[in-house]
N, C-alpha and C. Protein backbone atom coordinates (compact mmCIF):
# COMPACT_ATOMS: atom_id res chain seq x y z
N MET A 1 52.65 11.34 -46.40
CA MET A 1 52.63 12.33 -45.10
C MET A 1 52.91 11.76 -43.65
N TYR A 2 53.37 12.37 -42.97
CA TYR A 2 54.03 11.48 -41.62
C TYR A 2 53.15 12.39 -40.55
N ILE A 3 52.78 11.96 -39.71
CA ILE A 3 52.38 12.67 -38.42
C ILE A 3 52.88 12.25 -37.44
N PRO A 4 53.51 12.72 -36.18
CA PRO A 4 54.37 12.05 -35.28
C PRO A 4 53.19 11.45 -34.49
N THR A 5 53.40 10.26 -33.53
CA THR A 5 52.99 9.73 -32.92
C THR A 5 52.14 10.39 -31.61
N TRP A 6 53.65 11.50 -31.00
CA TRP A 6 53.04 12.05 -29.71
C TRP A 6 51.90 13.20 -29.91
N ILE A 7 51.75 13.70 -31.31
CA ILE A 7 50.82 14.71 -31.61
C ILE A 7 49.57 13.90 -31.77
N VAL A 8 49.49 12.77 -32.28
CA VAL A 8 48.32 11.80 -32.33
C VAL A 8 47.91 11.56 -30.87
N ILE A 9 48.68 11.47 -30.14
CA ILE A 9 48.11 10.89 -28.50
C ILE A 9 47.87 11.93 -28.04
N ILE A 10 48.44 13.29 -28.32
CA ILE A 10 47.82 14.22 -27.48
C ILE A 10 46.71 14.85 -27.89
N LEU A 11 46.29 14.64 -29.04
CA LEU A 11 44.88 14.87 -29.75
C LEU A 11 43.85 14.26 -29.50
N ILE A 12 44.24 12.79 -29.41
CA ILE A 12 43.40 11.81 -28.92
C ILE A 12 43.00 12.32 -26.96
N CYS A 13 43.61 12.64 -26.88
CA CYS A 13 43.25 12.88 -25.07
C CYS A 13 42.77 14.19 -25.16
N VAL A 14 43.16 15.18 -25.55
CA VAL A 14 42.34 16.46 -26.02
C VAL A 14 40.92 15.93 -25.95
N GLY A 15 40.76 15.02 -27.49
CA GLY A 15 39.61 14.87 -27.74
C GLY A 15 38.39 14.07 -26.49
N ILE A 16 39.27 13.12 -25.87
CA ILE A 16 38.57 12.36 -25.06
C ILE A 16 38.04 13.28 -23.72
N TYR A 17 39.12 14.12 -23.39
CA TYR A 17 38.94 15.20 -22.05
C TYR A 17 37.51 16.16 -22.58
N PHE A 18 37.79 16.47 -23.65
CA PHE A 18 36.35 17.81 -24.10
C PHE A 18 35.07 16.84 -24.39
N TYR A 19 35.04 15.65 -24.89
CA TYR A 19 34.06 14.21 -24.97
C TYR A 19 33.52 14.33 -23.63
N PHE A 20 33.94 13.92 -22.42
CA PHE A 20 33.80 13.55 -21.42
C PHE A 20 33.35 14.69 -20.41
N LYS A 21 34.22 15.92 -20.51
CA LYS A 21 33.72 17.19 -20.04
C LYS A 21 32.07 17.58 -20.62
N LYS A 22 31.86 17.69 -22.34
CA LYS A 22 30.80 18.04 -22.52
C LYS A 22 29.88 16.51 -22.04
N ARG A 23 29.96 15.66 -21.90
CA ARG A 23 29.03 14.71 -21.04
C ARG A 23 28.81 15.01 -19.57
N LYS A 24 29.68 15.36 -19.12
CA LYS A 24 29.24 15.95 -17.46
C LYS A 24 28.29 17.20 -17.26
N VAL A 25 28.90 17.88 -18.25
CA VAL A 25 27.71 19.33 -18.33
C VAL A 25 26.44 18.92 -18.71
N ASN A 26 25.98 17.84 -19.72
CA ASN A 26 25.15 17.49 -19.93
C ASN A 26 24.16 16.48 -18.63
N ASN A 27 24.92 16.17 -18.22
CA ASN A 27 24.28 15.12 -16.92
C ASN A 27 24.67 15.59 -15.59
N ALA A 28 25.10 16.46 -15.65
CA ALA A 28 25.63 17.66 -14.44
C ALA A 28 23.98 17.60 -13.11
N SER A 29 23.37 17.52 -13.97
CA SER A 29 21.98 17.33 -12.77
C SER A 29 21.37 16.20 -13.25
N ASP A 30 21.25 15.15 -12.29
CA ASP A 30 20.59 13.87 -12.59
C ASP A 30 19.11 13.91 -12.06
N GLU A 31 18.47 15.50 -11.89
CA GLU A 31 17.19 15.47 -11.08
C GLU A 31 16.46 15.10 -12.56
N PRO A 32 15.00 14.33 -12.12
CA PRO A 32 14.28 14.17 -13.02
C PRO A 32 13.60 15.16 -13.70
N THR A 33 13.34 15.41 -15.11
CA THR A 33 12.66 16.49 -15.51
C THR A 33 11.29 16.62 -16.26
N THR A 34 10.92 15.37 -16.18
CA THR A 34 9.52 15.06 -16.73
C THR A 34 8.42 14.32 -15.71
N VAL A 35 7.54 14.90 -15.92
CA VAL A 35 6.03 14.06 -14.90
C VAL A 35 6.64 12.38 -14.63
N GLU A 36 7.06 12.00 -15.50
CA GLU A 36 7.34 10.42 -15.31
C GLU A 36 8.28 10.11 -14.81
N GLU A 37 9.45 11.05 -14.75
CA GLU A 37 10.56 10.38 -14.58
C GLU A 37 10.37 10.92 -13.01
N MET A 38 9.53 11.92 -12.42
CA MET A 38 9.17 12.45 -11.31
C MET A 38 8.35 11.06 -10.23
N TRP A 39 7.88 10.75 -11.26
CA TRP A 39 6.75 9.82 -10.36
C TRP A 39 7.67 8.56 -10.19
N GLN A 40 8.46 8.00 -10.85
CA GLN A 40 9.45 7.15 -11.29
C GLN A 40 10.53 7.19 -9.36
N SER A 41 10.97 8.49 -9.89
CA SER A 41 11.59 8.47 -8.64
C SER A 41 11.04 8.66 -7.24
N ALA A 42 9.90 9.26 -7.16
CA ALA A 42 8.83 8.90 -5.72
C ALA A 42 9.02 7.29 -5.51
N GLU A 43 8.43 7.00 -6.54
CA GLU A 43 8.41 5.70 -6.23
C GLU A 43 9.18 4.62 -5.80
N PHE A 44 10.49 5.24 -6.55
CA PHE A 44 11.82 4.52 -5.72
C PHE A 44 11.96 5.03 -4.14
N TRP A 45 11.94 6.08 -3.91
CA TRP A 45 11.87 6.55 -2.78
C TRP A 45 11.19 6.01 -1.67
N LYS A 46 10.02 5.69 -1.87
CA LYS A 46 8.68 4.69 -1.56
C LYS A 46 9.22 3.73 -0.97
N THR A 47 9.87 3.11 -2.27
CA THR A 47 10.28 1.63 -1.78
C THR A 47 11.35 1.30 -1.11
N ARG A 48 11.94 2.47 -0.88
CA ARG A 48 13.16 2.39 -0.23
C ARG A 48 12.69 2.88 1.65
N VAL A 49 11.43 3.45 1.84
CA VAL A 49 10.97 3.99 2.96
C VAL A 49 10.26 2.60 3.32
N MET A 50 9.47 1.71 2.73
CA MET A 50 8.91 0.79 2.96
C MET A 50 9.79 -0.66 3.04
N GLU A 51 10.73 -0.52 2.38
CA GLU A 51 11.91 -1.93 3.12
C GLU A 51 12.33 -1.92 4.35
N LYS A 52 12.40 -3.39 4.63
CA LYS A 52 13.34 -3.46 5.87
C LYS A 52 13.81 -3.03 6.23
N SER A 53 14.35 -2.35 7.35
CA SER A 53 15.89 -2.19 7.68
C SER A 53 16.44 -3.01 7.67
N PRO A 54 17.87 -2.79 7.64
CA PRO A 54 18.87 -3.85 8.06
C PRO A 54 19.46 -3.84 9.47
N LEU A 55 18.50 -2.69 10.09
CA LEU A 55 19.22 -2.89 11.35
C LEU A 55 17.65 -3.47 12.26
N SER A 56 18.06 -5.14 12.41
CA SER A 56 16.56 -5.63 12.92
C SER A 56 15.67 -5.11 14.13
N GLY A 57 17.16 -4.37 15.03
CA GLY A 57 16.34 -3.85 16.28
C GLY A 57 15.24 -2.75 15.92
N LEU A 58 15.74 -2.23 15.33
CA LEU A 58 14.71 -1.00 14.56
C LEU A 58 13.50 -1.43 14.09
N GLU A 59 13.42 -2.77 13.45
CA GLU A 59 12.21 -3.25 13.17
C GLU A 59 11.32 -3.90 14.15
N GLU A 60 11.88 -4.36 15.19
CA GLU A 60 11.63 -5.05 15.95
C GLU A 60 10.37 -3.84 16.59
N ILE A 61 11.02 -2.77 17.16
CA ILE A 61 9.86 -2.05 17.90
C ILE A 61 9.15 -1.16 16.82
N LYS A 62 9.20 -1.54 15.76
CA LYS A 62 8.13 -0.67 14.92
C LYS A 62 8.60 0.78 14.76
N SER A 63 9.55 1.20 14.90
CA SER A 63 9.92 2.67 14.67
C SER A 63 9.58 3.14 13.43
N PHE A 64 9.40 2.44 12.20
CA PHE A 64 9.32 2.96 11.32
C PHE A 64 7.92 3.16 10.62
N GLU A 65 7.07 2.97 11.54
CA GLU A 65 5.68 2.91 10.94
C GLU A 65 5.11 4.23 10.79
N ASP A 66 5.39 5.29 11.16
CA ASP A 66 4.93 6.97 11.09
C ASP A 66 5.63 6.80 9.47
N GLU A 67 7.03 6.85 9.74
CA GLU A 67 7.40 7.38 7.81
C GLU A 67 6.59 6.33 7.14
N ARG A 68 6.53 5.38 7.35
CA ARG A 68 5.75 4.08 6.27
C ARG A 68 4.12 4.90 6.31
N GLU A 69 3.80 4.95 7.15
CA GLU A 69 2.35 5.61 6.86
C GLU A 69 2.41 7.18 6.35
N MET A 70 3.22 7.85 6.33
CA MET A 70 3.49 9.02 5.78
C MET A 70 3.39 9.04 4.25
N VAL A 71 4.04 8.21 4.22
CA VAL A 71 4.50 7.55 2.74
C VAL A 71 3.08 7.35 1.94
N LYS A 72 2.89 6.57 2.55
CA LYS A 72 1.45 5.72 1.95
C LYS A 72 0.38 6.52 1.80
N ALA A 73 0.40 7.66 2.66
CA ALA A 73 -0.89 8.91 2.87
C ALA A 73 -0.71 9.94 1.35
N MET A 74 0.42 10.32 1.49
CA MET A 74 1.11 10.92 0.44
C MET A 74 0.95 10.63 -0.87
N GLU A 75 1.21 9.10 -0.99
CA GLU A 75 1.11 8.77 -2.40
C GLU A 75 -0.68 8.71 -2.80
N THR A 76 -1.29 8.29 -1.61
CA THR A 76 -2.84 8.31 -2.37
C THR A 76 -3.43 9.87 -2.17
N ASP A 77 -2.74 10.72 -1.82
CA ASP A 77 -3.19 12.16 -2.09
C ASP A 77 -2.60 12.80 -3.30
N ALA A 78 -1.35 12.26 -3.79
CA ALA A 78 -0.35 12.64 -5.00
C ALA A 78 -1.48 11.82 -6.35
N ILE A 79 -1.81 10.89 -5.87
CA ILE A 79 -2.52 10.19 -7.14
C ILE A 79 -3.92 11.00 -7.32
N ARG A 80 -4.53 11.18 -6.01
CA ARG A 80 -6.30 11.83 -6.43
C ARG A 80 -5.81 12.92 -6.73
N LEU A 81 -4.55 13.85 -6.48
CA LEU A 81 -4.35 15.18 -6.95
C LEU A 81 -4.15 14.85 -8.72
N ARG A 82 -3.22 14.29 -9.06
CA ARG A 82 -2.82 13.85 -10.04
C ARG A 82 -4.06 13.63 -11.46
N GLU A 83 -5.10 12.62 -10.47
CA GLU A 83 -6.36 12.49 -11.33
C GLU A 83 -7.37 13.71 -11.32
N ARG A 84 -7.20 14.69 -9.91
CA ARG A 84 -8.27 15.93 -10.23
C ARG A 84 -7.55 16.88 -11.82
N TYR A 85 -5.85 16.90 -11.25
CA TYR A 85 -5.66 18.07 -12.56
C TYR A 85 -5.06 16.92 -13.69
N LYS A 86 -5.53 16.16 -14.01
CA LYS A 86 -4.99 15.40 -15.25
C LYS A 86 -4.81 16.10 -16.63
N HIS A 87 -5.60 17.22 -16.84
CA HIS A 87 -5.50 18.00 -18.22
C HIS A 87 -4.69 19.48 -17.74
N ASP A 88 -3.93 19.73 -16.75
CA ASP A 88 -3.27 20.59 -16.24
C ASP A 88 -1.94 20.24 -15.79
N PRO A 89 -0.81 20.53 -17.34
CA PRO A 89 0.76 19.76 -17.09
C PRO A 89 1.14 20.46 -16.26
N GLU A 90 1.21 21.98 -15.68
CA GLU A 90 2.13 22.78 -14.80
C GLU A 90 1.69 22.22 -13.20
N LYS A 91 0.13 21.88 -13.10
CA LYS A 91 -0.15 21.46 -11.79
C LYS A 91 0.49 19.86 -11.49
N GLN A 92 0.41 18.94 -12.78
CA GLN A 92 0.69 17.90 -12.68
C GLN A 92 2.70 17.89 -12.58
N LYS A 93 2.80 18.74 -13.18
CA LYS A 93 4.51 18.86 -12.71
C LYS A 93 4.79 19.22 -11.28
N ARG A 94 3.90 20.29 -11.03
CA ARG A 94 3.93 20.57 -9.43
C ARG A 94 3.98 19.50 -8.21
N ILE A 95 2.94 18.40 -8.72
CA ILE A 95 2.39 17.60 -7.48
C ILE A 95 3.49 16.15 -8.03
N ALA A 96 3.63 16.27 -9.08
CA ALA A 96 4.94 15.25 -9.01
C ALA A 96 6.36 15.41 -8.16
N ARG A 97 6.63 17.10 -8.67
CA ARG A 97 7.96 17.07 -7.96
C ARG A 97 7.46 17.07 -6.21
N ASP A 98 6.22 17.14 -5.77
CA ASP A 98 6.17 17.48 -4.63
C ASP A 98 5.88 16.02 -3.75
N TRP A 99 5.85 14.92 -4.61
CA TRP A 99 5.57 13.65 -4.15
C TRP A 99 7.15 13.29 -3.99
N MET A 100 7.57 13.44 -5.07
CA MET A 100 9.35 13.17 -5.10
C MET A 100 9.83 13.81 -4.07
N ASP A 101 10.01 14.57 -3.63
CA ASP A 101 10.41 15.89 -2.47
C ASP A 101 10.06 15.04 -1.35
N TYR A 102 8.40 14.92 -1.13
CA TYR A 102 8.43 14.20 0.26
C TYR A 102 8.61 12.95 0.35
N ALA A 103 8.60 12.17 -0.66
CA ALA A 103 9.41 10.87 -0.25
C ALA A 103 10.76 10.72 -0.38
N ASN A 104 11.57 11.39 -0.95
CA ASN A 104 12.76 11.51 -0.89
C ASN A 104 13.05 12.08 0.91
N ALA A 105 12.34 13.20 1.15
CA ALA A 105 12.30 13.41 3.10
C ALA A 105 12.22 12.35 3.43
N VAL A 106 11.36 12.02 3.64
CA VAL A 106 11.04 10.85 4.34
C VAL A 106 12.22 9.29 4.53
N ASN A 107 12.31 9.33 3.29
CA ASN A 107 13.53 8.53 3.30
C ASN A 107 15.02 8.96 4.03
N GLU A 108 15.10 10.30 4.07
CA GLU A 108 16.43 10.86 4.70
C GLU A 108 16.14 10.59 6.10
N ILE A 109 14.96 10.76 6.27
CA ILE A 109 14.66 10.94 7.60
C ILE A 109 15.14 8.98 8.59
N LYS A 110 14.37 8.64 8.00
CA LYS A 110 14.61 6.77 8.03
C LYS A 110 16.18 6.70 8.36
N THR A 111 16.58 7.23 7.09
CA THR A 111 18.18 6.92 6.99
C THR A 111 18.71 7.61 8.22
N ALA A 112 18.48 8.89 8.15
CA ALA A 112 19.09 9.24 10.16
C ALA A 112 18.78 8.44 11.32
N LEU A 113 17.55 7.89 10.85
CA LEU A 113 17.12 7.50 12.37
C LEU A 113 18.31 5.84 12.55
N GLU A 114 18.17 5.48 11.34
CA GLU A 114 19.13 4.37 10.89
C GLU A 114 20.53 4.47 11.25
N LEU A 115 21.15 5.96 11.16
CA LEU A 115 22.67 6.11 11.24
C LEU A 115 22.59 6.13 13.20
N LEU A 116 21.24 7.16 13.39
CA LEU A 116 21.70 7.52 14.94
C LEU A 116 21.36 6.17 15.72
N ASP A 117 21.17 5.24 15.40
CA ASP A 117 21.00 3.76 15.84
C ASP A 117 22.22 3.14 15.73
N VAL A 118 23.12 3.84 15.31
CA VAL A 118 24.38 3.02 15.23
C VAL A 118 25.78 3.78 15.24
N ASP A 119 25.35 4.97 15.47
CA ASP A 119 26.37 6.31 15.93
C ASP A 119 26.35 6.11 17.43
N TRP A 120 27.76 5.82 17.78
CA TRP A 120 27.59 5.71 19.56
C TRP A 120 28.87 7.04 19.85
N GLU A 121 29.26 7.47 18.87
CA GLU A 121 30.24 8.75 19.28
C GLU A 121 29.20 9.66 19.83
N ASP A 122 30.13 11.17 20.75
CA ASP A 122 29.57 11.97 20.93
C ASP A 122 28.91 12.84 19.64
N GLY A 123 27.76 13.25 20.04
CA GLY A 123 26.94 14.62 19.56
C GLY A 123 26.26 13.74 18.45
N ALA A 124 26.03 12.35 18.90
CA ALA A 124 25.19 11.91 17.65
C ALA A 124 23.68 12.63 17.56
N TYR A 125 23.44 12.76 18.22
CA TYR A 125 21.89 13.57 18.23
C TYR A 125 22.22 14.53 17.37
N ASP A 126 23.15 15.25 17.93
CA ASP A 126 23.44 16.57 16.80
C ASP A 126 23.65 16.39 15.49
N ARG A 127 24.10 15.33 15.20
CA ARG A 127 24.15 14.98 13.81
C ARG A 127 23.26 14.52 13.32
N PHE A 128 22.64 13.61 14.03
CA PHE A 128 21.18 13.37 13.40
C PHE A 128 19.92 14.95 12.91
N GLU A 129 19.94 15.99 14.38
CA GLU A 129 19.45 16.81 13.78
C GLU A 129 19.56 17.34 12.88
N ASP A 130 20.75 17.64 12.31
CA ASP A 130 21.61 18.24 11.28
C ASP A 130 21.10 17.58 10.17
N ARG A 131 20.57 16.10 10.00
CA ARG A 131 20.39 15.57 8.76
C ARG A 131 19.01 15.70 8.32
N ARG A 132 18.11 15.90 9.80
CA ARG A 132 16.98 15.72 9.28
C ARG A 132 16.08 16.92 9.41
N LYS A 133 16.68 18.34 9.60
CA LYS A 133 16.26 19.56 9.67
C LYS A 133 15.65 19.82 8.07
N GLU A 134 16.27 20.06 7.07
CA GLU A 134 15.57 20.12 5.81
C GLU A 134 14.75 19.38 5.44
N SER A 135 15.02 17.81 6.07
CA SER A 135 13.61 17.22 5.12
C SER A 135 12.15 17.51 6.18
N TYR A 136 12.55 17.64 7.51
CA TYR A 136 10.93 17.82 7.92
C TYR A 136 10.67 19.25 7.25
N ALA A 137 11.63 20.61 6.90
CA ALA A 137 10.67 21.83 6.48
C ALA A 137 10.21 21.14 5.11
N VAL A 138 10.78 20.47 4.47
CA VAL A 138 10.21 19.98 3.29
C VAL A 138 8.75 19.09 3.56
N ILE A 139 9.10 18.14 4.18
CA ILE A 139 7.56 17.19 4.57
C ILE A 139 6.46 18.64 4.90
N HIS A 140 6.89 19.35 5.49
CA HIS A 140 6.13 20.44 6.49
C HIS A 140 5.41 21.36 5.37
N GLU A 141 5.78 21.81 4.26
CA GLU A 141 5.68 22.30 3.58
C GLU A 141 5.04 21.96 2.10
N VAL A 142 5.43 20.63 2.00
CA VAL A 142 4.43 19.63 0.81
C VAL A 142 3.30 19.54 1.43
N ALA A 143 3.33 18.80 2.68
CA ALA A 143 1.93 18.94 3.05
C ALA A 143 1.22 20.03 3.44
N LYS A 144 1.34 21.03 3.39
CA LYS A 144 0.59 22.10 3.66
C LYS A 144 0.23 22.22 2.35
N ARG A 145 0.82 22.62 1.42
CA ARG A 145 0.17 22.31 0.00
C ARG A 145 -1.02 21.27 -0.26
N VAL A 146 -0.15 20.35 -0.29
CA VAL A 146 -1.53 18.91 -0.38
C VAL A 146 -2.80 19.25 0.81
N GLU A 147 -2.60 19.96 1.60
CA GLU A 147 -3.73 19.65 2.66
C GLU A 147 -4.65 20.93 2.13
N ASP A 148 -4.22 22.01 1.52
CA ASP A 148 -4.42 23.30 1.05
C ASP A 148 -5.45 22.70 -0.30
N GLU A 149 -4.61 21.95 -1.19
CA GLU A 149 -5.41 21.74 -2.16
C GLU A 149 -6.70 20.49 -2.00
N LEU A 150 -6.57 19.34 -0.90
CA LEU A 150 -7.69 18.58 -0.68
C LEU A 150 -8.62 18.84 0.45
N GLY A 151 -8.27 19.58 0.96
CA GLY A 151 -8.81 19.98 2.27
C GLY A 151 -8.94 18.99 3.69
N LYS A 152 -10.35 18.74 3.74
CA LYS A 152 -10.69 17.32 4.74
C LYS A 152 -10.74 16.38 3.64
N GLU A 153 -10.59 16.53 2.43
CA GLU A 153 -10.20 14.84 1.92
C GLU A 153 -8.79 14.15 2.01
N SER A 154 -8.01 15.16 2.57
CA SER A 154 -6.28 14.82 2.58
C SER A 154 -5.81 13.42 3.59
N HIS A 155 -5.50 12.34 3.04
CA HIS A 155 -5.30 11.47 3.80
C HIS A 155 -3.88 11.79 4.93
N LEU A 156 -3.15 12.62 3.98
CA LEU A 156 -2.02 13.07 4.84
C LEU A 156 -2.20 14.06 6.42
N LYS A 157 -3.31 14.87 5.90
CA LYS A 157 -3.43 15.60 7.26
C LYS A 157 -3.99 14.62 8.27
N VAL A 158 -4.85 13.61 8.16
CA VAL A 158 -4.93 12.79 9.15
C VAL A 158 -3.84 12.26 9.77
N VAL A 159 -3.21 11.84 9.13
CA VAL A 159 -1.68 10.98 9.56
C VAL A 159 -0.72 12.45 10.26
N HIS A 160 -0.81 13.49 9.93
CA HIS A 160 0.02 14.58 10.29
C HIS A 160 -0.65 14.76 11.48
N ASP A 161 -2.16 15.13 11.73
CA ASP A 161 -2.73 15.36 12.67
C ASP A 161 -2.41 14.28 13.93
N ARG A 162 -2.47 13.00 13.35
CA ARG A 162 -2.50 12.20 14.59
C ARG A 162 -0.82 12.29 15.16
N LEU A 163 -0.13 12.26 14.14
CA LEU A 163 1.41 12.43 14.83
C LEU A 163 1.19 13.27 15.95
N ARG A 164 1.06 14.94 14.95
CA ARG A 164 1.17 15.87 16.09
C ARG A 164 0.38 15.67 17.68
N LYS A 165 -0.90 14.85 17.52
CA LYS A 165 -1.13 14.70 18.41
C LYS A 165 -0.30 13.62 19.85
N HIS A 166 0.77 12.71 18.83
CA HIS A 166 1.58 11.82 19.74
C HIS A 166 2.81 12.51 19.88
N ALA A 167 3.31 13.43 19.33
CA ALA A 167 4.20 14.52 19.89
C ALA A 167 3.78 15.10 21.09
N GLU A 168 2.81 15.80 20.96
CA GLU A 168 2.45 16.51 22.06
C GLU A 168 2.15 16.01 23.55
N ILE A 169 1.89 14.66 23.47
CA ILE A 169 1.67 13.74 24.41
C ILE A 169 3.01 13.63 24.69
N ALA A 170 3.98 12.95 24.05
CA ALA A 170 5.35 13.20 24.54
C ALA A 170 5.74 13.94 25.21
N ASN A 171 5.63 15.37 24.13
CA ASN A 171 6.31 16.14 24.98
C ASN A 171 5.76 16.46 26.60
N GLU A 172 4.75 16.48 26.92
CA GLU A 172 3.98 16.37 27.98
C GLU A 172 4.44 15.46 29.07
N VAL A 173 4.86 14.25 28.55
CA VAL A 173 5.01 13.14 29.50
C VAL A 173 6.42 13.52 30.05
N LEU A 174 7.51 13.95 28.64
CA LEU A 174 8.78 14.21 29.07
C LEU A 174 8.96 15.73 29.93
N THR A 175 7.89 16.49 29.79
CA THR A 175 8.24 17.75 30.59
C THR A 175 7.79 17.52 32.09
N LYS A 176 6.99 16.65 32.38
CA LYS A 176 6.20 15.63 33.81
C LYS A 176 7.52 15.37 34.04
N ALA A 177 7.97 14.24 33.31
CA ALA A 177 9.30 13.81 33.92
C ALA A 177 10.53 14.50 34.23
N GLY A 178 10.60 15.46 33.45
CA GLY A 178 11.93 16.02 33.60
C GLY A 178 11.65 17.27 35.39
N LYS A 179 10.20 17.91 35.34
CA LYS A 179 9.78 18.37 36.39
C LYS A 179 10.43 17.85 38.06
N ARG A 180 9.61 16.03 37.70
CA ARG A 180 9.84 15.54 38.98
C ARG A 180 10.83 15.05 39.22
N GLU A 181 12.20 14.93 37.87
CA GLU A 181 13.57 14.76 38.39
C GLU A 181 14.04 15.75 39.18
N GLN A 182 13.39 16.93 38.69
CA GLN A 182 14.32 18.31 39.31
C GLN A 182 13.84 18.37 40.47
N LYS A 183 12.45 18.01 40.87
CA LYS A 183 11.63 17.96 42.36
C LYS A 183 12.92 17.05 43.25
N ILE A 184 12.98 15.72 42.72
CA ILE A 184 13.97 15.00 43.36
C ILE A 184 14.74 15.24 43.55
N GLU A 185 15.96 16.15 42.40
CA GLU A 185 17.15 16.07 43.10
C GLU A 185 17.17 17.65 43.84
N LYS A 186 16.11 18.33 43.90
CA LYS A 186 16.21 19.77 45.09
C LYS A 186 16.13 18.98 46.61
N GLU A 187 15.25 17.69 46.08
CA GLU A 187 15.33 17.12 47.94
C GLU A 187 16.19 16.65 47.98
N ASP A 188 16.55 16.03 47.49
CA ASP A 188 18.28 15.17 47.43
C ASP A 188 19.39 16.30 47.67
N THR A 189 18.91 17.71 47.65
CA THR A 189 20.45 18.51 47.81
C THR A 189 20.12 19.26 49.25
N LYS A 190 18.92 18.85 49.35
CA LYS A 190 18.44 19.58 50.86
C LYS A 190 18.55 18.80 52.21
N LYS A 191 18.75 17.80 51.82
CA LYS A 191 19.36 16.29 52.77
C LYS A 191 20.75 16.34 52.84
């Protein structure tokens, strides 16, 4: 029995196509599904936040200290919650997901800051804002859940409160500087 070569080649190509298509569907989501995979993913993102930036200028002015403190505090709180609920698999999964999402969001903010430092084109700050919007929302929501669980014991609450206080002070300074600038401009226009 003779089978033409072109039919064999077509069958092999179709087989390879369906093999990769099925494999792609199975791996369509590389999202971790188990608690252990989520913890490993969170550790990966934490390591990325903690590592030194390739942009040495940003390291010299210590611009990533806040992000590093946030990740350390969240890790501490996540470990405490994991121990507190070690017999509740559903809570374990939620805690692991929150820890992973939080570490990833902080890493995205760090990356956005690094990109802002090297982006010299017009609209750089707008692109920076777009990159970090979702990350700040994730950080806020996860922090709120952790703070609700741990209350006053939360390390994350202490860090976030301190950062909020710094932000309020910075906004006051900027507001005063802006008013002073407007006042000087008005005086200059009168002359």
